Amino acid sequence: MITITEKEFVKFAAYIEANYGIHLKKEKQSLINGRLQGVLIENGFKSFSEYYDFITSHNGGEAMTTFINKITTNHTFFMREAEHFTFLKENVLPVLAAHCRDKDLRIWSAACSSGEEPYTLAMIIDEFFGREKVWWDTKILATDISDKALTIARNGEYANDKVAALPALWRTNYFKKLDRESSIVVEKIKNEVIFRNFNLMEKVFPFKKKFHVIFCRNVMIYFDGPTKEQLVQKFYDMTEYGGYLFIGHSESLNKDTTQYKYVMPAVYRKE
């Protein structure tokens, strides 16, 4: 077994934070050791330093993709923090539907992981607009840095016990059972979500239009204070006036520095 030294961990932690915003505390050393162990052995690296030199000299490509997939945590599920979805349907969508110009509703699921969040948003929107949906452009942008998570998301196949958390009508209308173990999202909903690989640490967000709603939940808990505030400011700049930012319930924005206005726990608005 190859063991990561404290000095090597510091190098990896600094690289990860600089490039992906994830702040790894000292107690995560054993986690990194375990997650990368197989990669080192499989590729014949004799130490973590050797692997570090390899990935940092190959900026991009398959080696970096593998590294990102190993270090990121992609834990999510349907209807996570369900009150957000209720608030969106009952309070946000009615206002946006009445005021969006050109029937162009723009929603971004940042750090979408394996797709449960954006698909839930697509189902809510489809149900809300009903027959009027045909007149609207409501495609959802869903981004993540993990290609592994995005592959699962694009496929849209989930274990039946995960889908069971959804309303019965949604399970009937928006999923097709594959077998006793799994179901797949129907094409009608799949086509409403655009999945892209994107790093939230990019200095400039390259989107042409601002968003009415941004979901970035349970991600900033991994960032340090300055990184988090810089990201929130970029979100603010990409939010339409009257638009909303949804974050995780274990997260909060600094009221003294953010321009967003507090609405309810983990929900903020640009006024």
C-alpha atoms as a PDB file:
ATOM      1  CA  MET A   1       0.000   0.000   0.000  1.00  0.00           C
ATOM      2  CA  ILE A   2       1.240   3.490  -0.892  1.00  0.00           C
ATOM      3  CA  THR A   3       0.718   6.011   1.894  1.00  0.00           C
ATOM      4  CA  ILE A   4       0.409   9.735   1.317  1.00  0.00           C
ATOM      5  CA  THR A   5       2.751  11.801   3.480  1.00  0.00           C
ATOM      6  CA  GLU A   6       1.711  14.982   5.237  1.00  0.00           C
ATOM      7  CA  LYS A   7       3.869  17.030   2.857  1.00  0.00           C
ATOM      8  CA  GLU A   8       2.257  15.341  -0.164  1.00  0.00           C
ATOM      9  CA  PHE A   9      -1.220  15.916   1.230  1.00  0.00           C
ATOM     10  CA  VAL A  10      -0.477  19.626   1.650  1.00  0.00           C
ATOM     11  CA  LYS A  11       0.577  19.803  -2.013  1.00  0.00           C
ATOM     12  CA  PHE A  12      -2.585  18.026  -3.194  1.00  0.00           C
ATOM     13  CA  ALA A  13      -4.808  20.107  -0.908  1.00  0.00           C
ATOM     14  CA  ALA A  14      -3.301  23.355  -2.187  1.00  0.00           C
ATOM     15  CA  TYR A  15      -3.724  22.261  -5.804  1.00  0.00           C
ATOM     16  CA  ILE A  16      -7.327  21.152  -5.282  1.00  0.00           C
ATOM     17  CA  GLU A  17      -8.267  24.392  -3.529  1.00  0.00           C
ATOM     18  CA  ALA A  18      -6.567  26.593  -6.109  1.00  0.00           C
ATOM     19  CA  ASN A  19      -8.204  24.867  -9.050  1.00  0.00           C
ATOM     20  CA  TYR A  20     -11.551  23.631  -7.732  1.00  0.00           C
ATOM     21  CA  GLY A  21     -12.240  25.697  -4.620  1.00  0.00           C
ATOM     22  CA  ILE A  22     -12.520  22.628  -2.380  1.00  0.00           C
ATOM     23  CA  HIS A  23     -10.904  23.190   1.005  1.00  0.00           C
ATOM     24  CA  LEU A  24      -9.528  19.938   2.430  1.00  0.00           C
ATOM     25  CA  LYS A  25      -8.848  19.912   6.140  1.00  0.00           C
ATOM     26  CA  LYS A  26      -6.079  17.799   7.674  1.00  0.00           C
ATOM     27  CA  GLU A  27      -8.555  15.061   8.671  1.00  0.00           C
ATOM     28  CA  LYS A  28      -9.271  14.439   4.960  1.00  0.00           C
ATOM     29  CA  GLN A  29      -5.758  13.071   4.426  1.00  0.00           C
ATOM     30  CA  SER A  30      -6.862   9.449   4.878  1.00  0.00           C
ATOM     31  CA  LEU A  31      -9.826  10.052   2.534  1.00  0.00           C
ATOM     32  CA  ILE A  32      -7.554  11.280  -0.263  1.00  0.00           C
ATOM     33  CA  ASN A  33      -5.194   8.392   0.434  1.00  0.00           C
ATOM     34  CA  GLY A  34      -8.019   5.885   0.024  1.00  0.00           C
ATOM     35  CA  ARG A  35      -9.655   7.431  -3.025  1.00  0.00           C
ATOM     36  CA  LEU A  36      -6.439   7.736  -5.026  1.00  0.00           C
ATOM     37  CA  GLN A  37      -4.826   4.478  -3.908  1.00  0.00           C
ATOM     38  CA  GLY A  38      -6.247   2.412  -6.753  1.00  0.00           C
ATOM     39  CA  VAL A  39      -5.221   4.968  -9.387  1.00  0.00           C
ATOM     40  CA  LEU A  40      -1.607   4.927  -8.228  1.00  0.00           C
ATOM     41  CA  ILE A  41      -1.392   1.137  -8.173  1.00  0.00           C
ATOM     42  CA  GLU A  42      -3.192   0.698 -11.492  1.00  0.00           C
ATOM     43  CA  ASN A  43      -0.861   3.131 -13.260  1.00  0.00           C
ATOM     44  CA  GLY A  44       2.368   2.023 -11.622  1.00  0.00           C
ATOM     45  CA  PHE A  45       3.126   5.165  -9.627  1.00  0.00           C
ATOM     46  CA  LYS A  46       5.520   4.556  -6.733  1.00  0.00           C
ATOM     47  CA  SER A  47       4.448   7.568  -4.650  1.00  0.00           C
ATOM     48  CA  PHE A  48       1.838  10.285  -4.391  1.00  0.00           C
ATOM     49  CA  SER A  49       4.509  12.826  -5.370  1.00  0.00           C
ATOM     50  CA  GLU A  50       5.054  10.987  -8.631  1.00  0.00           C
ATOM     51  CA  TYR A  51       1.324  11.012  -9.313  1.00  0.00           C
ATOM     52  CA  TYR A  52       1.100  14.715  -8.386  1.00  0.00           C
ATOM     53  CA  ASP A  53       3.850  15.592 -10.868  1.00  0.00           C
ATOM     54  CA  PHE A  54       2.051  13.561 -13.529  1.00  0.00           C
ATOM     55  CA  ILE A  55      -1.380  15.194 -13.215  1.00  0.00           C
ATOM     56  CA  THR A  56      -0.027  18.722 -12.849  1.00  0.00           C
ATOM     57  CA  SER A  57       2.069  18.315 -16.002  1.00  0.00           C
ATOM     58  CA  HIS A  58      -0.960  16.939 -17.895  1.00  0.00           C
ATOM     59  CA  ASN A  59      -3.360  19.855 -17.437  1.00  0.00           C
ATOM     60  CA  GLY A  60      -6.494  18.299 -18.833  1.00  0.00           C
ATOM     61  CA  GLY A  61      -7.191  15.018 -20.578  1.00  0.00           C
ATOM     62  CA  GLU A  62      -8.103  11.625 -19.178  1.00  0.00           C
ATOM     63  CA  ALA A  63      -5.653  11.767 -16.258  1.00  0.00           C
ATOM     64  CA  MET A  64      -7.193  14.964 -14.904  1.00  0.00           C
ATOM     65  CA  THR A  65     -10.729  13.651 -15.481  1.00  0.00           C
ATOM     66  CA  THR A  66      -9.931  10.572 -13.409  1.00  0.00           C
ATOM     67  CA  PHE A  67      -8.433  12.711 -10.654  1.00  0.00           C
ATOM     68  CA  ILE A  68     -11.479  14.998 -10.466  1.00  0.00           C
ATOM     69  CA  ASN A  69     -13.873  12.045 -10.420  1.00  0.00           C
ATOM     70  CA  LYS A  70     -11.965  10.557  -7.491  1.00  0.00           C
ATOM     71  CA  ILE A  71     -11.736  13.664  -5.304  1.00  0.00           C
ATOM     72  CA  THR A  72     -15.278  14.999  -5.728  1.00  0.00           C
ATOM     73  CA  THR A  73     -18.228  13.855  -3.655  1.00  0.00           C
ATOM     74  CA  ASN A  74     -21.422  13.313  -5.639  1.00  0.00           C
ATOM     75  CA  HIS A  75     -24.066  12.620  -3.043  1.00  0.00           C
ATOM     76  CA  THR A  76     -27.611  13.667  -3.834  1.00  0.00           C
ATOM     77  CA  PHE A  77     -31.118  12.293  -4.148  1.00  0.00           C
ATOM     78  CA  PHE A  78     -34.546  13.187  -5.476  1.00  0.00           C
ATOM     79  CA  MET A  79     -36.483  15.791  -3.466  1.00  0.00           C
ATOM     80  CA  ARG A  80     -33.472  16.669  -1.320  1.00  0.00           C
ATOM     81  CA  GLU A  81     -34.508  19.628   0.878  1.00  0.00           C
ATOM     82  CA  ALA A  82     -38.024  19.349  -0.547  1.00  0.00           C
ATOM     83  CA  GLU A  83     -39.231  22.687   0.843  1.00  0.00           C
ATOM     84  CA  HIS A  84     -37.091  24.410  -1.802  1.00  0.00           C
ATOM     85  CA  PHE A  85     -39.063  22.753  -4.567  1.00  0.00           C
ATOM     86  CA  THR A  86     -42.359  23.630  -2.887  1.00  0.00           C
ATOM     87  CA  PHE A  87     -41.298  27.263  -2.586  1.00  0.00           C
ATOM     88  CA  LEU A  88     -40.186  27.298  -6.215  1.00  0.00           C
ATOM     89  CA  LYS A  89     -43.516  25.960  -7.438  1.00  0.00           C
ATOM     90  CA  GLU A  90     -45.812  27.970  -5.168  1.00  0.00           C
ATOM     91  CA  ASN A  91     -43.953  31.289  -4.863  1.00  0.00           C
ATOM     92  CA  VAL A  92     -41.270  31.682  -7.514  1.00  0.00           C
ATOM     93  CA  LEU A  93     -42.715  30.233 -10.718  1.00  0.00           C
ATOM     94  CA  PRO A  94     -46.015  32.171 -10.559  1.00  0.00           C
ATOM     95  CA  VAL A  95     -44.100  35.461 -10.348  1.00  0.00           C
ATOM     96  CA  LEU A  96     -41.618  34.541 -13.061  1.00  0.00           C
ATOM     97  CA  ALA A  97     -44.363  33.244 -15.348  1.00  0.00           C
ATOM     98  CA  ALA A  98     -46.100  36.609 -15.099  1.00  0.00           C
ATOM     99  CA  HIS A  99     -43.008  38.725 -15.725  1.00  0.00           C
ATOM    100  CA  CYS A 100     -40.554  36.772 -17.923  1.00  0.00           C
ATOM    101  CA  ARG A 101     -40.113  38.477 -21.265  1.00  0.00           C
ATOM    102  CA  ASP A 102     -40.417  36.385 -24.402  1.00  0.00           C
ATOM    103  CA  LYS A 103     -41.462  33.371 -22.277  1.00  0.00           C
ATOM    104  CA  ASP A 104     -37.779  32.609 -21.735  1.00  0.00           C
ATOM    105  CA  LEU A 105     -37.250  31.110 -18.272  1.00  0.00           C
ATOM    106  CA  ARG A 106     -33.601  30.469 -17.390  1.00  0.00           C
ATOM    107  CA  ILE A 107     -32.655  28.114 -14.550  1.00  0.00           C
ATOM    108  CA  TRP A 108     -29.189  26.845 -13.651  1.00  0.00           C
ATOM    109  CA  SER A 109     -28.511  23.772 -11.536  1.00  0.00           C
ATOM    110  CA  ALA A 110     -24.877  24.377 -10.591  1.00  0.00           C
ATOM    111  CA  ALA A 111     -23.015  21.318  -9.266  1.00  0.00           C
ATOM    112  CA  CYS A 112     -25.853  19.091 -10.490  1.00  0.00           C
ATOM    113  CA  SER A 113     -24.054  15.853  -9.560  1.00  0.00           C
ATOM    114  CA  SER A 114     -25.860  12.766 -10.927  1.00  0.00           C
ATOM    115  CA  GLY A 115     -28.877  14.702 -12.194  1.00  0.00           C
ATOM    116  CA  GLU A 116     -31.596  14.278  -9.586  1.00  0.00           C
ATOM    117  CA  GLU A 117     -31.872  18.024  -8.921  1.00  0.00           C
ATOM    118  CA  PRO A 118     -32.238  19.289 -12.519  1.00  0.00           C
ATOM    119  CA  TYR A 119     -34.634  16.486 -13.425  1.00  0.00           C
ATOM    120  CA  THR A 120     -36.755  17.382 -10.392  1.00  0.00           C
ATOM    121  CA  LEU A 121     -36.768  20.999 -11.545  1.00  0.00           C
ATOM    122  CA  ALA A 122     -37.800  19.923 -15.058  1.00  0.00           C
ATOM    123  CA  MET A 123     -40.695  17.877 -13.674  1.00  0.00           C
ATOM    124  CA  ILE A 124     -41.885  20.766 -11.494  1.00  0.00           C
ATOM    125  CA  ILE A 125     -41.800  23.137 -14.470  1.00  0.00           C
ATOM    126  CA  ASP A 126     -43.641  20.686 -16.719  1.00  0.00           C
ATOM    127  CA  GLU A 127     -46.358  20.197 -14.131  1.00  0.00           C
ATOM    128  CA  PHE A 128     -46.628  23.927 -13.383  1.00  0.00           C
ATOM    129  CA  PHE A 129     -47.032  25.102 -16.974  1.00  0.00           C
ATOM    130  CA  GLY A 130     -49.092  22.161 -18.191  1.00  0.00           C
ATOM    131  CA  ARG A 131     -50.463  22.792 -21.689  1.00  0.00           C
ATOM    132  CA  GLU A 132     -48.891  26.259 -21.737  1.00  0.00           C
ATOM    133  CA  LYS A 133     -45.426  24.679 -21.570  1.00  0.00           C
ATOM    134  CA  VAL A 134     -45.258  24.411 -25.371  1.00  0.00           C
ATOM    135  CA  TRP A 135     -45.056  28.220 -25.620  1.00  0.00           C
ATOM    136  CA  TRP A 136     -42.139  28.510 -23.196  1.00  0.00           C
ATOM    137  CA  ASP A 137     -38.389  27.997 -23.388  1.00  0.00           C
ATOM    138  CA  THR A 138     -37.650  26.471 -19.991  1.00  0.00           C
ATOM    139  CA  LYS A 139     -34.555  24.396 -20.658  1.00  0.00           C
ATOM    140  CA  ILE A 140     -32.405  23.952 -17.560  1.00  0.00           C
ATOM    141  CA  LEU A 141     -28.626  24.271 -17.596  1.00  0.00           C
ATOM    142  CA  ALA A 142     -27.059  21.615 -15.347  1.00  0.00           C
ATOM    143  CA  THR A 143     -23.307  21.698 -14.701  1.00  0.00           C
ATOM    144  CA  ASP A 144     -20.734  19.754 -12.712  1.00  0.00           C
ATOM    145  CA  ILE A 145     -16.960  19.201 -12.767  1.00  0.00           C
ATOM    146  CA  SER A 146     -17.293  15.414 -12.592  1.00  0.00           C
ATOM    147  CA  ASP A 147     -17.650  13.653 -15.945  1.00  0.00           C
ATOM    148  CA  LYS A 148     -18.556  10.475 -14.064  1.00  0.00           C
ATOM    149  CA  ALA A 149     -21.531  12.190 -12.415  1.00  0.00           C
ATOM    150  CA  LEU A 150     -22.567  13.829 -15.684  1.00  0.00           C
ATOM    151  CA  THR A 151     -22.557  10.478 -17.483  1.00  0.00           C
ATOM    152  CA  ILE A 152     -25.019   9.106 -14.909  1.00  0.00           C
ATOM    153  CA  ALA A 153     -27.096  12.264 -15.210  1.00  0.00           C
ATOM    154  CA  ARG A 154     -27.307  12.163 -18.992  1.00  0.00           C
ATOM    155  CA  ASN A 155     -28.293   8.508 -18.913  1.00  0.00           C
ATOM    156  CA  GLY A 156     -31.111   9.305 -16.475  1.00  0.00           C
ATOM    157  CA  GLU A 157     -31.328   5.788 -15.061  1.00  0.00           C
ATOM    158  CA  TYR A 158     -31.968   5.452 -11.324  1.00  0.00           C
ATOM    159  CA  ALA A 159     -32.694   2.703  -8.832  1.00  0.00           C
ATOM    160  CA  ASN A 160     -36.405   2.316  -8.142  1.00  0.00           C
ATOM    161  CA  ASP A 161     -35.898   2.930  -4.436  1.00  0.00           C
ATOM    162  CA  LYS A 162     -34.494   6.385  -5.275  1.00  0.00           C
ATOM    163  CA  VAL A 163     -37.396   7.198  -7.571  1.00  0.00           C
ATOM    164  CA  ALA A 164     -39.851   6.084  -4.860  1.00  0.00           C
ATOM    165  CA  ALA A 165     -39.349   9.418  -3.055  1.00  0.00           C
ATOM    166  CA  LEU A 166     -41.191  11.226  -5.865  1.00  0.00           C
ATOM    167  CA  PRO A 167     -44.980  11.737  -6.095  1.00  0.00           C
ATOM    168  CA  ALA A 168     -46.813   8.775  -7.632  1.00  0.00           C
ATOM    169  CA  LEU A 169     -48.038  10.888 -10.570  1.00  0.00           C
ATOM    170  CA  TRP A 170     -44.476  11.912 -11.402  1.00  0.00           C
ATOM    171  CA  ARG A 171     -43.296   8.305 -11.311  1.00  0.00           C
ATOM    172  CA  THR A 172     -46.042   7.452 -13.791  1.00  0.00           C
ATOM    173  CA  ASN A 173     -45.669  10.454 -16.105  1.00  0.00           C
ATOM    174  CA  TYR A 174     -41.937  11.065 -16.058  1.00  0.00           C
ATOM    175  CA  PHE A 175     -40.294   7.650 -15.675  1.00  0.00           C
ATOM    176  CA  LYS A 176     -40.300   4.373 -17.544  1.00  0.00           C
ATOM    177  CA  LYS A 177     -39.541   1.198 -15.627  1.00  0.00           C
ATOM    178  CA  LEU A 178     -36.652  -0.760 -17.081  1.00  0.00           C
ATOM    179  CA  ASP A 179     -36.891  -3.741 -14.729  1.00  0.00           C
ATOM    180  CA  ARG A 180     -37.508  -4.576 -11.070  1.00  0.00           C
ATOM    181  CA  GLU A 181     -34.413  -2.641 -10.068  1.00  0.00           C
ATOM    182  CA  SER A 182     -34.392   0.586 -12.063  1.00  0.00           C
ATOM    183  CA  SER A 183     -36.317   3.242 -13.990  1.00  0.00           C
ATOM    184  CA  ILE A 184     -35.274   5.811 -16.573  1.00  0.00           C
ATOM    185  CA  VAL A 185     -36.327   9.432 -17.073  1.00  0.00           C
ATOM    186  CA  VAL A 186     -38.573   9.823 -20.134  1.00  0.00           C
ATOM    187  CA  GLU A 187     -37.209  11.693 -23.147  1.00  0.00           C
ATOM    188  CA  LYS A 188     -39.693  14.544 -22.651  1.00  0.00           C
ATOM    189  CA  ILE A 189     -37.933  15.462 -19.400  1.00  0.00           C
ATOM    190  CA  LYS A 190     -34.421  14.509 -20.523  1.00  0.00           C
ATOM    191  CA  ASN A 191     -34.726  16.959 -23.396  1.00  0.00           C
ATOM    192  CA  GLU A 192     -35.429  19.782 -20.943  1.00  0.00           C
ATOM    193  CA  VAL A 193     -31.988  19.543 -19.317  1.00  0.00           C
ATOM    194  CA  ILE A 194     -28.674  20.565 -20.891  1.00  0.00           C
ATOM    195  CA  PHE A 195     -25.733  18.936 -19.105  1.00  0.00           C
ATOM    196  CA  ARG A 196     -22.288  20.538 -19.317  1.00  0.00           C
ATOM    197  CA  ASN A 197     -18.927  20.118 -17.596  1.00  0.00           C
ATOM    198  CA  PHE A 198     -18.130  23.368 -15.796  1.00  0.00           C
ATOM    199  CA  ASN A 199     -15.807  24.430 -12.987  1.00  0.00           C
ATOM    200  CA  LEU A 200     -17.346  27.000 -10.641  1.00  0.00           C
ATOM    201  CA  MET A 201     -13.849  28.356 -10.030  1.00  0.00           C
ATOM    202  CA  GLU A 202     -13.651  29.802 -13.549  1.00  0.00           C
ATOM    203  CA  LYS A 203     -12.807  33.486 -13.204  1.00  0.00           C
ATOM    204  CA  VAL A 204     -15.517  34.495 -15.646  1.00  0.00           C
ATOM    205  CA  PHE A 205     -18.834  32.762 -16.186  1.00  0.00           C
ATOM    206  CA  PRO A 206     -19.235  32.552 -19.984  1.00  0.00           C
ATOM    207  CA  PHE A 207     -23.036  32.677 -20.131  1.00  0.00           C
ATOM    208  CA  LYS A 208     -24.669  35.105 -22.542  1.00  0.00           C
ATOM    209  CA  LYS A 209     -27.833  35.603 -20.498  1.00  0.00           C
ATOM    210  CA  LYS A 210     -28.484  35.905 -16.786  1.00  0.00           C
ATOM    211  CA  PHE A 211     -30.551  33.383 -14.836  1.00  0.00           C
ATOM    212  CA  HIS A 212     -33.886  33.768 -13.090  1.00  0.00           C
ATOM    213  CA  VAL A 213     -33.088  30.910 -10.689  1.00  0.00           C
ATOM    214  CA  ILE A 214     -29.768  29.396  -9.597  1.00  0.00           C
ATOM    215  CA  PHE A 215     -29.556  26.254  -7.483  1.00  0.00           C
ATOM    216  CA  CYS A 216     -26.143  25.676  -5.882  1.00  0.00           C
ATOM    217  CA  ARG A 217     -26.841  23.527  -2.856  1.00  0.00           C
ATOM    218  CA  ASN A 218     -24.467  21.758  -0.470  1.00  0.00           C
ATOM    219  CA  VAL A 219     -21.394  22.778  -2.447  1.00  0.00           C
ATOM    220  CA  MET A 220     -20.068  25.876  -0.690  1.00  0.00           C
ATOM    221  CA  ILE A 221     -19.633  23.938   2.557  1.00  0.00           C
ATOM    222  CA  TYR A 222     -16.409  22.675   0.949  1.00  0.00           C
ATOM    223  CA  PHE A 223     -15.093  26.201   0.236  1.00  0.00           C
ATOM    224  CA  ASP A 224     -13.251  28.595   2.498  1.00  0.00           C
ATOM    225  CA  GLY A 225     -14.695  32.041   3.248  1.00  0.00           C
ATOM    226  CA  PRO A 226     -13.028  34.111   0.507  1.00  0.00           C
ATOM    227  CA  THR A 227     -13.691  31.473  -2.182  1.00  0.00           C
ATOM    228  CA  LYS A 228     -17.322  31.267  -1.162  1.00  0.00           C
ATOM    229  CA  GLU A 229     -17.794  35.041  -1.231  1.00  0.00           C
ATOM    230  CA  GLN A 230     -16.196  35.317  -4.663  1.00  0.00           C
ATOM    231  CA  LEU A 231     -18.507  32.591  -5.987  1.00  0.00           C
ATOM    232  CA  VAL A 232     -21.595  34.208  -4.479  1.00  0.00           C
ATOM    233  CA  GLN A 233     -20.663  37.501  -6.134  1.00  0.00           C
ATOM    234  CA  LYS A 234     -20.341  35.756  -9.504  1.00  0.00           C
ATOM    235  CA  PHE A 235     -23.734  34.141  -8.953  1.00  0.00           C
ATOM    236  CA  TYR A 236     -25.174  37.552  -8.109  1.00  0.00           C
ATOM    237  CA  ASP A 237     -23.764  39.060 -11.280  1.00  0.00           C
ATOM    238  CA  MET A 238     -25.363  36.234 -13.293  1.00  0.00           C
ATOM    239  CA  THR A 239     -28.790  36.573 -11.632  1.00  0.00           C
ATOM    240  CA  GLU A 240     -31.591  38.606 -13.187  1.00  0.00           C
ATOM    241  CA  TYR A 241     -33.120  41.274 -10.961  1.00  0.00           C
ATOM    242  CA  GLY A 242     -35.946  39.587  -9.093  1.00  0.00           C
ATOM    243  CA  GLY A 243     -34.194  36.239  -9.495  1.00  0.00           C
ATOM    244  CA  TYR A 244     -33.381  33.690  -6.791  1.00  0.00           C
ATOM    245  CA  LEU A 245     -30.391  31.796  -5.412  1.00  0.00           C
ATOM    246  CA  PHE A 246     -31.042  28.505  -3.586  1.00  0.00           C
ATOM    247  CA  ILE A 247     -28.243  27.114  -1.388  1.00  0.00           C
ATOM    248  CA  GLY A 248     -28.075  24.172   1.034  1.00  0.00           C
ATOM    249  CA  HIS A 249     -29.679  24.341   4.463  1.00  0.00           C
ATOM    250  CA  SER A 250     -26.281  23.779   6.057  1.00  0.00           C
ATOM    251  CA  GLU A 251     -25.037  26.903   4.276  1.00  0.00           C
ATOM    252  CA  SER A 252     -25.682  30.625   4.629  1.00  0.00           C
ATOM    253  CA  LEU A 253     -24.571  33.885   3.048  1.00  0.00           C
ATOM    254  CA  ASN A 254     -22.742  36.616   4.923  1.00  0.00           C
ATOM    255  CA  LYS A 255     -25.388  39.329   5.331  1.00  0.00           C
ATOM    256  CA  ASP A 256     -22.685  41.984   5.703  1.00  0.00           C
ATOM    257  CA  THR A 257     -21.077  41.288   2.337  1.00  0.00           C
ATOM    258  CA  THR A 258     -23.683  39.754   0.025  1.00  0.00           C
ATOM    259  CA  GLN A 259     -25.988  41.861  -2.136  1.00  0.00           C
ATOM    260  CA  TYR A 260     -28.625  39.152  -2.142  1.00  0.00           C
ATOM    261  CA  LYS A 261     -31.618  39.692   0.144  1.00  0.00           C
ATOM    262  CA  TYR A 262     -32.636  36.952   2.563  1.00  0.00           C
ATOM    263  CA  VAL A 263     -36.029  35.393   1.774  1.00  0.00           C
ATOM    264  CA  MET A 264     -36.167  32.223   3.892  1.00  0.00           C
ATOM    265  CA  PRO A 265     -33.621  29.651   5.094  1.00  0.00           C
ATOM    266  CA  ALA A 266     -31.250  28.905   2.208  1.00  0.00           C
ATOM    267  CA  VAL A 267     -33.187  31.101  -0.272  1.00  0.00           C
ATOM    268  CA  TYR A 268     -32.019  34.554  -1.391  1.00  0.00           C
ATOM    269  CA  ARG A 269     -33.223  37.094  -3.954  1.00  0.00           C
ATOM    270  CA  LYS A 270     -31.607  39.769  -6.079  1.00  0.00           C
ATOM    271  CA  GLU A 271     -33.672  42.954  -5.702  1.00  0.00           C
END
